[in-house]
Structure formats: structure tokens, C-alpha cells
Amino acid sequence: QDSWVEMGRETGLPITAEIVLKTFGMTN
């Protein structure tokens, strides 16, 4: 979650911890 959110913040992608949980198990 932290790595997705940090990458989203750096690149402007709309990624939240909730999105990561919902998609856990899917490929990048």
C-alpha cells in the first residue's frame, strides 16, 4: 500500500490504500 501510494503521489496517479486492498492479488 505504501509503495503504491508513494508512487502515485510522485507520478500523479490516483492510487489510494483502499484501491490497493481492493485489487490485492491482481497483476500490476
mmCIF file of all heavy atoms, coordinates in Angstrom:
data_MODEL
# 
_entry.id   MODEL 
# 
loop_
_atom_site.group_PDB 
_atom_site.id 
_atom_site.type_symbol 
_atom_site.label_atom_id 
_atom_site.label_alt_id 
_atom_site.label_comp_id 
_atom_site.label_asym_id 
_atom_site.label_entity_id 
_atom_site.label_seq_id 
_atom_site.pdbx_PDB_ins_code 
_atom_site.Cartn_x 
_atom_site.Cartn_y 
_atom_site.Cartn_z 
_atom_site.occupancy 
_atom_site.B_iso_or_equiv 
_atom_site.pdbx_formal_charge 
_atom_site.auth_seq_id 
_atom_site.auth_comp_id 
_atom_site.auth_asym_id 
_atom_site.auth_atom_id 
_atom_site.pdbx_PDB_model_num 
ATOM 1   N N   . GLN A 1 1  ? 0.834   -1.206  0.000   1.00 0.00 ? 1  GLN A N   1 
ATOM 2   C CA  . GLN A 1 1  ? 0.000   0.000   0.000   1.00 0.00 ? 1  GLN A CA  1 
ATOM 3   C C   . GLN A 1 1  ? 0.864   1.249   0.000   1.00 0.00 ? 1  GLN A C   1 
ATOM 4   O O   . GLN A 1 1  ? 0.633   2.177   -0.784  1.00 0.00 ? 1  GLN A O   1 
ATOM 5   C CB  . GLN A 1 1  ? -0.923  0.002   1.219   1.00 0.00 ? 1  GLN A CB  1 
ATOM 6   C CG  . GLN A 1 1  ? -2.092  -0.971  1.115   1.00 0.00 ? 1  GLN A CG  1 
ATOM 7   C CD  . GLN A 1 1  ? -2.952  -0.954  2.359   1.00 0.00 ? 1  GLN A CD  1 
ATOM 8   O OE1 . GLN A 1 1  ? -2.433  -0.932  3.477   1.00 0.00 ? 1  GLN A OE1 1 
ATOM 9   N NE2 . GLN A 1 1  ? -4.265  -0.981  2.180   1.00 0.00 ? 1  GLN A NE2 1 
ATOM 10  N N   . ASP A 1 2  ? 1.863   1.280   0.861   1.00 0.00 ? 2  ASP A N   1 
ATOM 11  C CA  . ASP A 1 2  ? 2.713   2.463   0.975   1.00 0.00 ? 2  ASP A CA  1 
ATOM 12  C C   . ASP A 1 2  ? 3.482   2.723   -0.321  1.00 0.00 ? 2  ASP A C   1 
ATOM 13  O O   . ASP A 1 2  ? 3.613   3.876   -0.750  1.00 0.00 ? 2  ASP A O   1 
ATOM 14  C CB  . ASP A 1 2  ? 3.694   2.302   2.137   1.00 0.00 ? 2  ASP A CB  1 
ATOM 15  C CG  . ASP A 1 2  ? 3.017   2.381   3.495   1.00 0.00 ? 2  ASP A CG  1 
ATOM 16  O OD1 . ASP A 1 2  ? 1.838   2.785   3.547   1.00 0.00 ? 2  ASP A OD1 1 
ATOM 17  O OD2 . ASP A 1 2  ? 3.655   2.011   4.498   1.00 0.00 ? 2  ASP A OD2 1 
ATOM 18  N N   . SER A 1 3  ? 3.986   1.657   -0.952  1.00 0.00 ? 3  SER A N   1 
ATOM 19  C CA  . SER A 1 3  ? 4.766   1.852   -2.179  1.00 0.00 ? 3  SER A CA  1 
ATOM 20  C C   . SER A 1 3  ? 3.880   2.296   -3.338  1.00 0.00 ? 3  SER A C   1 
ATOM 21  O O   . SER A 1 3  ? 4.284   3.152   -4.133  1.00 0.00 ? 3  SER A O   1 
ATOM 22  C CB  . SER A 1 3  ? 5.524   0.567   -2.541  1.00 0.00 ? 3  SER A CB  1 
ATOM 23  O OG  . SER A 1 3  ? 4.653   -0.539  -2.689  1.00 0.00 ? 3  SER A OG  1 
ATOM 24  N N   . TRP A 1 4  ? 2.663   1.757   -3.433  1.00 0.00 ? 4  TRP A N   1 
ATOM 25  C CA  . TRP A 1 4  ? 1.726   2.219   -4.461  1.00 0.00 ? 4  TRP A CA  1 
ATOM 26  C C   . TRP A 1 4  ? 1.353   3.688   -4.243  1.00 0.00 ? 4  TRP A C   1 
ATOM 27  O O   . TRP A 1 4  ? 1.361   4.495   -5.180  1.00 0.00 ? 4  TRP A O   1 
ATOM 28  C CB  . TRP A 1 4  ? 0.456   1.383   -4.450  1.00 0.00 ? 4  TRP A CB  1 
ATOM 29  C CG  . TRP A 1 4  ? 0.451   0.155   -5.301  1.00 0.00 ? 4  TRP A CG  1 
ATOM 30  C CD1 . TRP A 1 4  ? 0.403   -1.140  -4.882  1.00 0.00 ? 4  TRP A CD1 1 
ATOM 31  C CD2 . TRP A 1 4  ? 0.465   0.097   -6.733  1.00 0.00 ? 4  TRP A CD2 1 
ATOM 32  N NE1 . TRP A 1 4  ? 0.390   -1.996  -5.956  1.00 0.00 ? 4  TRP A NE1 1 
ATOM 33  C CE2 . TRP A 1 4  ? 0.422   -1.269  -7.098  1.00 0.00 ? 4  TRP A CE2 1 
ATOM 34  C CE3 . TRP A 1 4  ? 0.503   1.053   -7.737  1.00 0.00 ? 4  TRP A CE3 1 
ATOM 35  C CZ2 . TRP A 1 4  ? 0.427   -1.689  -8.432  1.00 0.00 ? 4  TRP A CZ2 1 
ATOM 36  C CZ3 . TRP A 1 4  ? 0.506   0.644   -9.069  1.00 0.00 ? 4  TRP A CZ3 1 
ATOM 37  C CH2 . TRP A 1 4  ? 0.469   -0.712  -9.401  1.00 0.00 ? 4  TRP A CH2 1 
ATOM 38  N N   . VAL A 1 5  ? 1.003   4.042   -2.993  1.00 0.00 ? 5  VAL A N   1 
ATOM 39  C CA  . VAL A 1 5  ? 0.572   5.404   -2.705  1.00 0.00 ? 5  VAL A CA  1 
ATOM 40  C C   . VAL A 1 5  ? 1.716   6.390   -2.949  1.00 0.00 ? 5  VAL A C   1 
ATOM 41  O O   . VAL A 1 5  ? 1.503   7.470   -3.525  1.00 0.00 ? 5  VAL A O   1 
ATOM 42  C CB  . VAL A 1 5  ? 0.044   5.511   -1.260  1.00 0.00 ? 5  VAL A CB  1 
ATOM 43  C CG1 . VAL A 1 5  ? -0.177  6.969   -0.867  1.00 0.00 ? 5  VAL A CG1 1 
ATOM 44  C CG2 . VAL A 1 5  ? -1.253  4.717   -1.115  1.00 0.00 ? 5  VAL A CG2 1 
ATOM 45  N N   . GLU A 1 6  ? 2.932   6.034   -2.545  1.00 0.00 ? 6  GLU A N   1 
ATOM 46  C CA  . GLU A 1 6  ? 4.075   6.916   -2.770  1.00 0.00 ? 6  GLU A CA  1 
ATOM 47  C C   . GLU A 1 6  ? 4.348   7.088   -4.256  1.00 0.00 ? 6  GLU A C   1 
ATOM 48  O O   . GLU A 1 6  ? 4.614   8.209   -4.731  1.00 0.00 ? 6  GLU A O   1 
ATOM 49  C CB  . GLU A 1 6  ? 5.310   6.364   -2.061  1.00 0.00 ? 6  GLU A CB  1 
ATOM 50  C CG  . GLU A 1 6  ? 5.263   6.526   -0.556  1.00 0.00 ? 6  GLU A CG  1 
ATOM 51  C CD  . GLU A 1 6  ? 6.547   6.092   0.110   1.00 0.00 ? 6  GLU A CD  1 
ATOM 52  O OE1 . GLU A 1 6  ? 7.599   6.055   -0.573  1.00 0.00 ? 6  GLU A OE1 1 
ATOM 53  O OE2 . GLU A 1 6  ? 6.518   5.799   1.319   1.00 0.00 ? 6  GLU A OE2 1 
ATOM 54  N N   . MET A 1 7  ? 4.281   5.990   -5.004  1.00 0.00 ? 7  MET A N   1 
ATOM 55  C CA  . MET A 1 7  ? 4.492   6.086   -6.445  1.00 0.00 ? 7  MET A CA  1 
ATOM 56  C C   . MET A 1 7  ? 3.400   6.928   -7.099  1.00 0.00 ? 7  MET A C   1 
ATOM 57  O O   . MET A 1 7  ? 3.668   7.741   -7.985  1.00 0.00 ? 7  MET A O   1 
ATOM 58  C CB  . MET A 1 7  ? 4.521   4.684   -7.064  1.00 0.00 ? 7  MET A CB  1 
ATOM 59  C CG  . MET A 1 7  ? 5.016   4.651   -8.512  1.00 0.00 ? 7  MET A CG  1 
ATOM 60  S SD  . MET A 1 7  ? 3.679   4.805   -9.717  1.00 0.00 ? 7  MET A SD  1 
ATOM 61  C CE  . MET A 1 7  ? 2.972   3.164   -9.641  1.00 0.00 ? 7  MET A CE  1 
ATOM 62  N N   . GLY A 1 8  ? 2.162   6.765   -6.634  1.00 0.00 ? 8  GLY A N   1 
ATOM 63  C CA  . GLY A 1 8  ? 1.067   7.571   -7.157  1.00 0.00 ? 8  GLY A CA  1 
ATOM 64  C C   . GLY A 1 8  ? 1.256   9.048   -6.873  1.00 0.00 ? 8  GLY A C   1 
ATOM 65  O O   . GLY A 1 8  ? 1.004   9.897   -7.735  1.00 0.00 ? 8  GLY A O   1 
ATOM 66  N N   . ARG A 1 9  ? 1.717   9.351   -5.671  1.00 0.00 ? 9  ARG A N   1 
ATOM 67  C CA  . ARG A 1 9  ? 1.948   10.748  -5.300  1.00 0.00 ? 9  ARG A CA  1 
ATOM 68  C C   . ARG A 1 9  ? 3.038   11.363  -6.170  1.00 0.00 ? 9  ARG A C   1 
ATOM 69  O O   . ARG A 1 9  ? 2.937   12.519  -6.604  1.00 0.00 ? 9  ARG A O   1 
ATOM 70  C CB  . ARG A 1 9  ? 2.348   10.825  -3.822  1.00 0.00 ? 9  ARG A CB  1 
ATOM 71  C CG  . ARG A 1 9  ? 2.445   12.245  -3.274  1.00 0.00 ? 9  ARG A CG  1 
ATOM 72  C CD  . ARG A 1 9  ? 2.902   12.246  -1.821  1.00 0.00 ? 9  ARG A CD  1 
ATOM 73  N NE  . ARG A 1 9  ? 2.031   11.439  -0.975  1.00 0.00 ? 9  ARG A NE  1 
ATOM 74  C CZ  . ARG A 1 9  ? 2.429   10.376  -0.283  1.00 0.00 ? 9  ARG A CZ  1 
ATOM 75  N NH1 . ARG A 1 9  ? 3.693   9.986   -0.337  1.00 0.00 ? 9  ARG A NH1 1 
ATOM 76  N NH2 . ARG A 1 9  ? 1.578   9.717   0.461   1.00 0.00 ? 9  ARG A NH2 1 
ATOM 77  N N   . GLU A 1 10 ? 4.088   10.587  -6.447  1.00 0.00 ? 10 GLU A N   1 
ATOM 78  C CA  . GLU A 1 10 ? 5.204   11.090  -7.241  1.00 0.00 ? 10 GLU A CA  1 
ATOM 79  C C   . GLU A 1 10 ? 4.855   11.262  -8.718  1.00 0.00 ? 10 GLU A C   1 
ATOM 80  O O   . GLU A 1 10 ? 5.418   12.120  -9.403  1.00 0.00 ? 10 GLU A O   1 
ATOM 81  C CB  . GLU A 1 10 ? 6.393   10.135  -7.111  1.00 0.00 ? 10 GLU A CB  1 
ATOM 82  C CG  . GLU A 1 10 ? 6.997   10.101  -5.710  1.00 0.00 ? 10 GLU A CG  1 
ATOM 83  C CD  . GLU A 1 10 ? 7.936   8.931   -5.511  1.00 0.00 ? 10 GLU A CD  1 
ATOM 84  O OE1 . GLU A 1 10 ? 8.073   8.118   -6.465  1.00 0.00 ? 10 GLU A OE1 1 
ATOM 85  O OE2 . GLU A 1 10 ? 8.521   8.811   -4.423  1.00 0.00 ? 10 GLU A OE2 1 
ATOM 86  N N   . THR A 1 11 ? 3.933   10.434  -9.212  1.00 0.00 ? 11 THR A N   1 
ATOM 87  C CA  . THR A 1 11 ? 3.625   10.436  -10.648 1.00 0.00 ? 11 THR A CA  1 
ATOM 88  C C   . THR A 1 11 ? 2.258   11.019  -10.981 1.00 0.00 ? 11 THR A C   1 
ATOM 89  O O   . THR A 1 11 ? 1.917   11.147  -12.156 1.00 0.00 ? 11 THR A O   1 
ATOM 90  C CB  . THR A 1 11 ? 3.683   8.998   -11.196 1.00 0.00 ? 11 THR A CB  1 
ATOM 91  O OG1 . THR A 1 11 ? 2.728   8.185   -10.495 1.00 0.00 ? 11 THR A OG1 1 
ATOM 92  C CG2 . THR A 1 11 ? 5.078   8.402   -11.032 1.00 0.00 ? 11 THR A CG2 1 
ATOM 93  N N   . GLY A 1 12 ? 1.471   11.341  -9.958  1.00 0.00 ? 12 GLY A N   1 
ATOM 94  C CA  . GLY A 1 12 ? 0.146   11.897  -10.192 1.00 0.00 ? 12 GLY A CA  1 
ATOM 95  C C   . GLY A 1 12 ? -0.939  10.868  -10.441 1.00 0.00 ? 12 GLY A C   1 
ATOM 96  O O   . GLY A 1 12 ? -2.047  11.222  -10.846 1.00 0.00 ? 12 GLY A O   1 
ATOM 97  N N   . LEU A 1 13 ? -0.651  9.593   -10.181 1.00 0.00 ? 13 LEU A N   1 
ATOM 98  C CA  . LEU A 1 13 ? -1.669  8.553   -10.365 1.00 0.00 ? 13 LEU A CA  1 
ATOM 99  C C   . LEU A 1 13 ? -2.643  8.549   -9.189  1.00 0.00 ? 13 LEU A C   1 
ATOM 100 O O   . LEU A 1 13 ? -2.241  8.731   -8.038  1.00 0.00 ? 13 LEU A O   1 
ATOM 101 C CB  . LEU A 1 13 ? -1.013  7.177   -10.478 1.00 0.00 ? 13 LEU A CB  1 
ATOM 102 C CG  . LEU A 1 13 ? -0.098  6.931   -11.676 1.00 0.00 ? 13 LEU A CG  1 
ATOM 103 C CD1 . LEU A 1 13 ? 0.366   5.476   -11.687 1.00 0.00 ? 13 LEU A CD1 1 
ATOM 104 C CD2 . LEU A 1 13 ? -0.810  7.244   -12.977 1.00 0.00 ? 13 LEU A CD2 1 
ATOM 105 N N   . PRO A 1 14 ? -3.936  8.312   -9.462  1.00 0.00 ? 14 PRO A N   1 
ATOM 106 C CA  . PRO A 1 14 ? -4.955  8.358   -8.404  1.00 0.00 ? 14 PRO A CA  1 
ATOM 107 C C   . PRO A 1 14 ? -5.024  7.047   -7.624  1.00 0.00 ? 14 PRO A C   1 
ATOM 108 O O   . PRO A 1 14 ? -6.009  6.311   -7.684  1.00 0.00 ? 14 PRO A O   1 
ATOM 109 C CB  . PRO A 1 14 ? -6.244  8.608   -9.193  1.00 0.00 ? 14 PRO A CB  1 
ATOM 110 C CG  . PRO A 1 14 ? -6.012  7.907   -10.500 1.00 0.00 ? 14 PRO A CG  1 
ATOM 111 C CD  . PRO A 1 14 ? -4.540  8.085   -10.798 1.00 0.00 ? 14 PRO A CD  1 
ATOM 112 N N   . ILE A 1 15 ? -3.992  6.751   -6.837  1.00 0.00 ? 15 ILE A N   1 
ATOM 113 C CA  . ILE A 1 15 ? -3.920  5.482   -6.111  1.00 0.00 ? 15 ILE A CA  1 
ATOM 114 C C   . ILE A 1 15 ? -4.063  5.734   -4.611  1.00 0.00 ? 15 ILE A C   1 
ATOM 115 O O   . ILE A 1 15 ? -3.364  6.579   -4.043  1.00 0.00 ? 15 ILE A O   1 
ATOM 116 C CB  . ILE A 1 15 ? -2.588  4.766   -6.391  1.00 0.00 ? 15 ILE A CB  1 
ATOM 117 C CG1 . ILE A 1 15 ? -2.423  4.497   -7.883  1.00 0.00 ? 15 ILE A CG1 1 
ATOM 118 C CG2 . ILE A 1 15 ? -2.506  3.453   -5.619  1.00 0.00 ? 15 ILE A CG2 1 
ATOM 119 C CD1 . ILE A 1 15 ? -1.088  3.908   -8.264  1.00 0.00 ? 15 ILE A CD1 1 
ATOM 120 N N   . THR A 1 16 ? -4.964  4.988   -3.984  1.00 0.00 ? 16 THR A N   1 
ATOM 121 C CA  . THR A 1 16 ? -5.162  5.076   -2.541  1.00 0.00 ? 16 THR A CA  1 
ATOM 122 C C   . THR A 1 16 ? -4.934  3.699   -1.917  1.00 0.00 ? 16 THR A C   1 
ATOM 123 O O   . THR A 1 16 ? -4.919  2.675   -2.612  1.00 0.00 ? 16 THR A O   1 
ATOM 124 C CB  . THR A 1 16 ? -6.587  5.533   -2.205  1.00 0.00 ? 16 THR A CB  1 
ATOM 125 O OG1 . THR A 1 16 ? -7.516  4.519   -2.648  1.00 0.00 ? 16 THR A OG1 1 
ATOM 126 C CG2 . THR A 1 16 ? -6.914  6.858   -2.873  1.00 0.00 ? 16 THR A CG2 1 
ATOM 127 N N   . ALA A 1 17 ? -4.775  3.684   -0.589  1.00 0.00 ? 17 ALA A N   1 
ATOM 128 C CA  . ALA A 1 17 ? -4.612  2.411   0.121   1.00 0.00 ? 17 ALA A CA  1 
ATOM 129 C C   . ALA A 1 17 ? -5.826  1.518   -0.087  1.00 0.00 ? 17 ALA A C   1 
ATOM 130 O O   . ALA A 1 17 ? -5.705  0.295   -0.173  1.00 0.00 ? 17 ALA A O   1 
ATOM 131 C CB  . ALA A 1 17 ? -4.381  2.674   1.607   1.00 0.00 ? 17 ALA A CB  1 
ATOM 132 N N   . GLU A 1 18 ? -7.010  2.122   -0.192  1.00 0.00 ? 18 GLU A N   1 
ATOM 133 C CA  . GLU A 1 18 ? -8.236  1.352   -0.402  1.00 0.00 ? 18 GLU A CA  1 
ATOM 134 C C   . GLU A 1 18 ? -8.244  0.665   -1.762  1.00 0.00 ? 18 GLU A C   1 
ATOM 135 O O   . GLU A 1 18 ? -8.687  -0.481  -1.890  1.00 0.00 ? 18 GLU A O   1 
ATOM 136 C CB  . GLU A 1 18 ? -9.460  2.256   -0.256  1.00 0.00 ? 18 GLU A CB  1 
ATOM 137 C CG  . GLU A 1 18 ? -9.721  2.771   1.156   1.00 0.00 ? 18 GLU A CG  1 
ATOM 138 C CD  . GLU A 1 18 ? -8.732  3.851   1.589   1.00 0.00 ? 18 GLU A CD  1 
ATOM 139 O OE1 . GLU A 1 18 ? -8.142  4.527   0.710   1.00 0.00 ? 18 GLU A OE1 1 
ATOM 140 O OE2 . GLU A 1 18 ? -8.525  3.999   2.822   1.00 0.00 ? 18 GLU A OE2 1 
ATOM 141 N N   . ILE A 1 19 ? -7.756  1.350   -2.782  1.00 0.00 ? 19 ILE A N   1 
ATOM 142 C CA  . ILE A 1 19 ? -7.670  0.753   -4.118  1.00 0.00 ? 19 ILE A CA  1 
ATOM 143 C C   . ILE A 1 19 ? -6.720  -0.429  -4.103  1.00 0.00 ? 19 ILE A C   1 
ATOM 144 O O   . ILE A 1 19 ? -6.985  -1.482  -4.702  1.00 0.00 ? 19 ILE A O   1 
ATOM 145 C CB  . ILE A 1 19 ? -7.218  1.805   -5.145  1.00 0.00 ? 19 ILE A CB  1 
ATOM 146 C CG1 . ILE A 1 19 ? -8.342  2.806   -5.417  1.00 0.00 ? 19 ILE A CG1 1 
ATOM 147 C CG2 . ILE A 1 19 ? -6.783  1.133   -6.456  1.00 0.00 ? 19 ILE A CG2 1 
ATOM 148 C CD1 . ILE A 1 19 ? -7.941  3.965   -6.312  1.00 0.00 ? 19 ILE A CD1 1 
ATOM 149 N N   . VAL A 1 20 ? -5.596  -0.294  -3.391  1.00 0.00 ? 20 VAL A N   1 
ATOM 150 C CA  . VAL A 1 20 ? -4.629  -1.386  -3.306  1.00 0.00 ? 20 VAL A CA  1 
ATOM 151 C C   . VAL A 1 20 ? -5.261  -2.604  -2.648  1.00 0.00 ? 20 VAL A C   1 
ATOM 152 O O   . VAL A 1 20 ? -5.097  -3.740  -3.113  1.00 0.00 ? 20 VAL A O   1 
ATOM 153 C CB  . VAL A 1 20 ? -3.371  -0.943  -2.538  1.00 0.00 ? 20 VAL A CB  1 
ATOM 154 C CG1 . VAL A 1 20 ? -2.385  -2.105  -2.429  1.00 0.00 ? 20 VAL A CG1 1 
ATOM 155 C CG2 . VAL A 1 20 ? -2.713  0.244   -3.230  1.00 0.00 ? 20 VAL A CG2 1 
ATOM 156 N N   . LEU A 1 21 ? -6.011  -2.396  -1.575  1.00 0.00 ? 21 LEU A N   1 
ATOM 157 C CA  . LEU A 1 21 ? -6.677  -3.516  -0.904  1.00 0.00 ? 21 LEU A CA  1 
ATOM 158 C C   . LEU A 1 21 ? -7.685  -4.186  -1.825  1.00 0.00 ? 21 LEU A C   1 
ATOM 159 O O   . LEU A 1 21 ? -7.749  -5.422  -1.914  1.00 0.00 ? 21 LEU A O   1 
ATOM 160 C CB  . LEU A 1 21 ? -7.382  -3.020  0.368   1.00 0.00 ? 21 LEU A CB  1 
ATOM 161 C CG  . LEU A 1 21 ? -8.164  -4.080  1.145   1.00 0.00 ? 21 LEU A CG  1 
ATOM 162 C CD1 . LEU A 1 21 ? -7.245  -5.213  1.599   1.00 0.00 ? 21 LEU A CD1 1 
ATOM 163 C CD2 . LEU A 1 21 ? -8.861  -3.450  2.352   1.00 0.00 ? 21 LEU A CD2 1 
ATOM 164 N N   . LYS A 1 22 ? -8.460  -3.381  -2.527  1.00 0.00 ? 22 LYS A N   1 
ATOM 165 C CA  . LYS A 1 22 ? -9.493  -3.916  -3.412  1.00 0.00 ? 22 LYS A CA  1 
ATOM 166 C C   . LYS A 1 22 ? -8.898  -4.727  -4.552  1.00 0.00 ? 22 LYS A C   1 
ATOM 167 O O   . LYS A 1 22 ? -9.504  -5.710  -5.008  1.00 0.00 ? 22 LYS A O   1 
ATOM 168 C CB  . LYS A 1 22 ? -10.333 -2.767  -3.977  1.00 0.00 ? 22 LYS A CB  1 
ATOM 169 C CG  . LYS A 1 22 ? -11.509 -3.207  -4.833  1.00 0.00 ? 22 LYS A CG  1 
ATOM 170 C CD  . LYS A 1 22 ? -12.326 -2.021  -5.306  1.00 0.00 ? 22 LYS A CD  1 
ATOM 171 C CE  . LYS A 1 22 ? -13.489 -2.462  -6.178  1.00 0.00 ? 22 LYS A CE  1 
ATOM 172 N NZ  . LYS A 1 22 ? -14.303 -1.301  -6.642  1.00 0.00 ? 22 LYS A NZ  1 
ATOM 173 N N   . THR A 1 23 ? -7.723  -4.353  -5.020  1.00 0.00 ? 23 THR A N   1 
ATOM 174 C CA  . THR A 1 23 ? -7.109  -5.015  -6.179  1.00 0.00 ? 23 THR A CA  1 
ATOM 175 C C   . THR A 1 23 ? -6.014  -5.993  -5.776  1.00 0.00 ? 23 THR A C   1 
ATOM 176 O O   . THR A 1 23 ? -5.332  -6.537  -6.639  1.00 0.00 ? 23 THR A O   1 
ATOM 177 C CB  . THR A 1 23 ? -6.507  -3.972  -7.141  1.00 0.00 ? 23 THR A CB  1 
ATOM 178 O OG1 . THR A 1 23 ? -5.540  -3.172  -6.436  1.00 0.00 ? 23 THR A OG1 1 
ATOM 179 C CG2 . THR A 1 23 ? -7.587  -3.069  -7.707  1.00 0.00 ? 23 THR A CG2 1 
ATOM 180 N N   . PHE A 1 24 ? -5.856  -6.246  -4.478  1.00 0.00 ? 24 PHE A N   1 
ATOM 181 C CA  . PHE A 1 24 ? -4.796  -7.132  -3.991  1.00 0.00 ? 24 PHE A CA  1 
ATOM 182 C C   . PHE A 1 24 ? -4.936  -8.504  -4.645  1.00 0.00 ? 24 PHE A C   1 
ATOM 183 O O   . PHE A 1 24 ? -6.000  -9.095  -4.658  1.00 0.00 ? 24 PHE A O   1 
ATOM 184 C CB  . PHE A 1 24 ? -4.887  -7.267  -2.470  1.00 0.00 ? 24 PHE A CB  1 
ATOM 185 C CG  . PHE A 1 24 ? -3.558  -7.449  -1.793  1.00 0.00 ? 24 PHE A CG  1 
ATOM 186 C CD1 . PHE A 1 24 ? -2.489  -6.641  -2.095  1.00 0.00 ? 24 PHE A CD1 1 
ATOM 187 C CD2 . PHE A 1 24 ? -3.384  -8.444  -0.830  1.00 0.00 ? 24 PHE A CD2 1 
ATOM 188 C CE1 . PHE A 1 24 ? -1.260  -6.797  -1.459  1.00 0.00 ? 24 PHE A CE1 1 
ATOM 189 C CE2 . PHE A 1 24 ? -2.170  -8.610  -0.190  1.00 0.00 ? 24 PHE A CE2 1 
ATOM 190 C CZ  . PHE A 1 24 ? -1.111  -7.790  -0.498  1.00 0.00 ? 24 PHE A CZ  1 
ATOM 191 N N   . GLY A 1 25 ? -3.845  -8.996  -5.205  1.00 0.00 ? 25 GLY A N   1 
ATOM 192 C CA  . GLY A 1 25 ? -3.870  -10.279 -5.901  1.00 0.00 ? 25 GLY A CA  1 
ATOM 193 C C   . GLY A 1 25 ? -3.858  -10.141 -7.410  1.00 0.00 ? 25 GLY A C   1 
ATOM 194 O O   . GLY A 1 25 ? -3.582  -11.102 -8.120  1.00 0.00 ? 25 GLY A O   1 
ATOM 195 N N   . MET A 1 26 ? -4.161  -8.953  -7.915  1.00 0.00 ? 26 MET A N   1 
ATOM 196 C CA  . MET A 1 26 ? -4.115  -8.717  -9.361  1.00 0.00 ? 26 MET A CA  1 
ATOM 197 C C   . MET A 1 26 ? -2.692  -8.343  -9.785  1.00 0.00 ? 26 MET A C   1 
ATOM 198 O O   . MET A 1 26 ? -1.881  -7.901  -8.970  1.00 0.00 ? 26 MET A O   1 
ATOM 199 C CB  . MET A 1 26 ? -5.066  -7.586  -9.754  1.00 0.00 ? 26 MET A CB  1 
ATOM 200 C CG  . MET A 1 26 ? -6.527  -7.885  -9.507  1.00 0.00 ? 26 MET A CG  1 
ATOM 201 S SD  . MET A 1 26 ? -7.572  -6.494  -10.061 1.00 0.00 ? 26 MET A SD  1 
ATOM 202 C CE  . MET A 1 26 ? -9.195  -7.097  -9.597  1.00 0.00 ? 26 MET A CE  1 
ATOM 203 N N   . THR A 1 27 ? -2.399  -8.515  -11.058 1.00 0.00 ? 27 THR A N   1 
ATOM 204 C CA  . THR A 1 27 ? -1.097  -8.097  -11.566 1.00 0.00 ? 27 THR A CA  1 
ATOM 205 C C   . THR A 1 27 ? -1.029  -6.576  -11.629 1.00 0.00 ? 27 THR A C   1 
ATOM 206 O O   . THR A 1 27 ? -2.050  -5.885  -11.689 1.00 0.00 ? 27 THR A O   1 
ATOM 207 C CB  . THR A 1 27 ? -0.836  -8.665  -12.973 1.00 0.00 ? 27 THR A CB  1 
ATOM 208 O OG1 . THR A 1 27 ? -1.800  -8.095  -13.879 1.00 0.00 ? 27 THR A OG1 1 
ATOM 209 C CG2 . THR A 1 27 ? -0.941  -10.181 -12.999 1.00 0.00 ? 27 THR A CG2 1 
ATOM 210 N N   . ASN A 1 28 ? 0.193   -6.055  -11.647 1.00 0.00 ? 28 ASN A N   1 
ATOM 211 C CA  . ASN A 1 28 ? 0.362   -4.607  -11.778 1.00 0.00 ? 28 ASN A CA  1 
ATOM 212 C C   . ASN A 1 28 ? -0.271  -4.093  -13.065 1.00 0.00 ? 28 ASN A C   1 
ATOM 213 O O   . ASN A 1 28 ? -0.860  -3.003  -13.086 1.00 0.00 ? 28 ASN A O   1 
ATOM 214 C CB  . ASN A 1 28 ? 1.847   -4.243  -11.743 1.00 0.00 ? 28 ASN A CB  1 
ATOM 215 C CG  . ASN A 1 28 ? 2.444   -4.392  -10.364 1.00 0.00 ? 28 ASN A CG  1 
ATOM 216 O OD1 . ASN A 1 28 ? 1.738   -4.627  -9.385  1.00 0.00 ? 28 ASN A OD1 1 
ATOM 217 N ND2 . ASN A 1 28 ? 3.755   -4.278  -10.278 1.00 0.00 ? 28 ASN A ND2 1 
# 
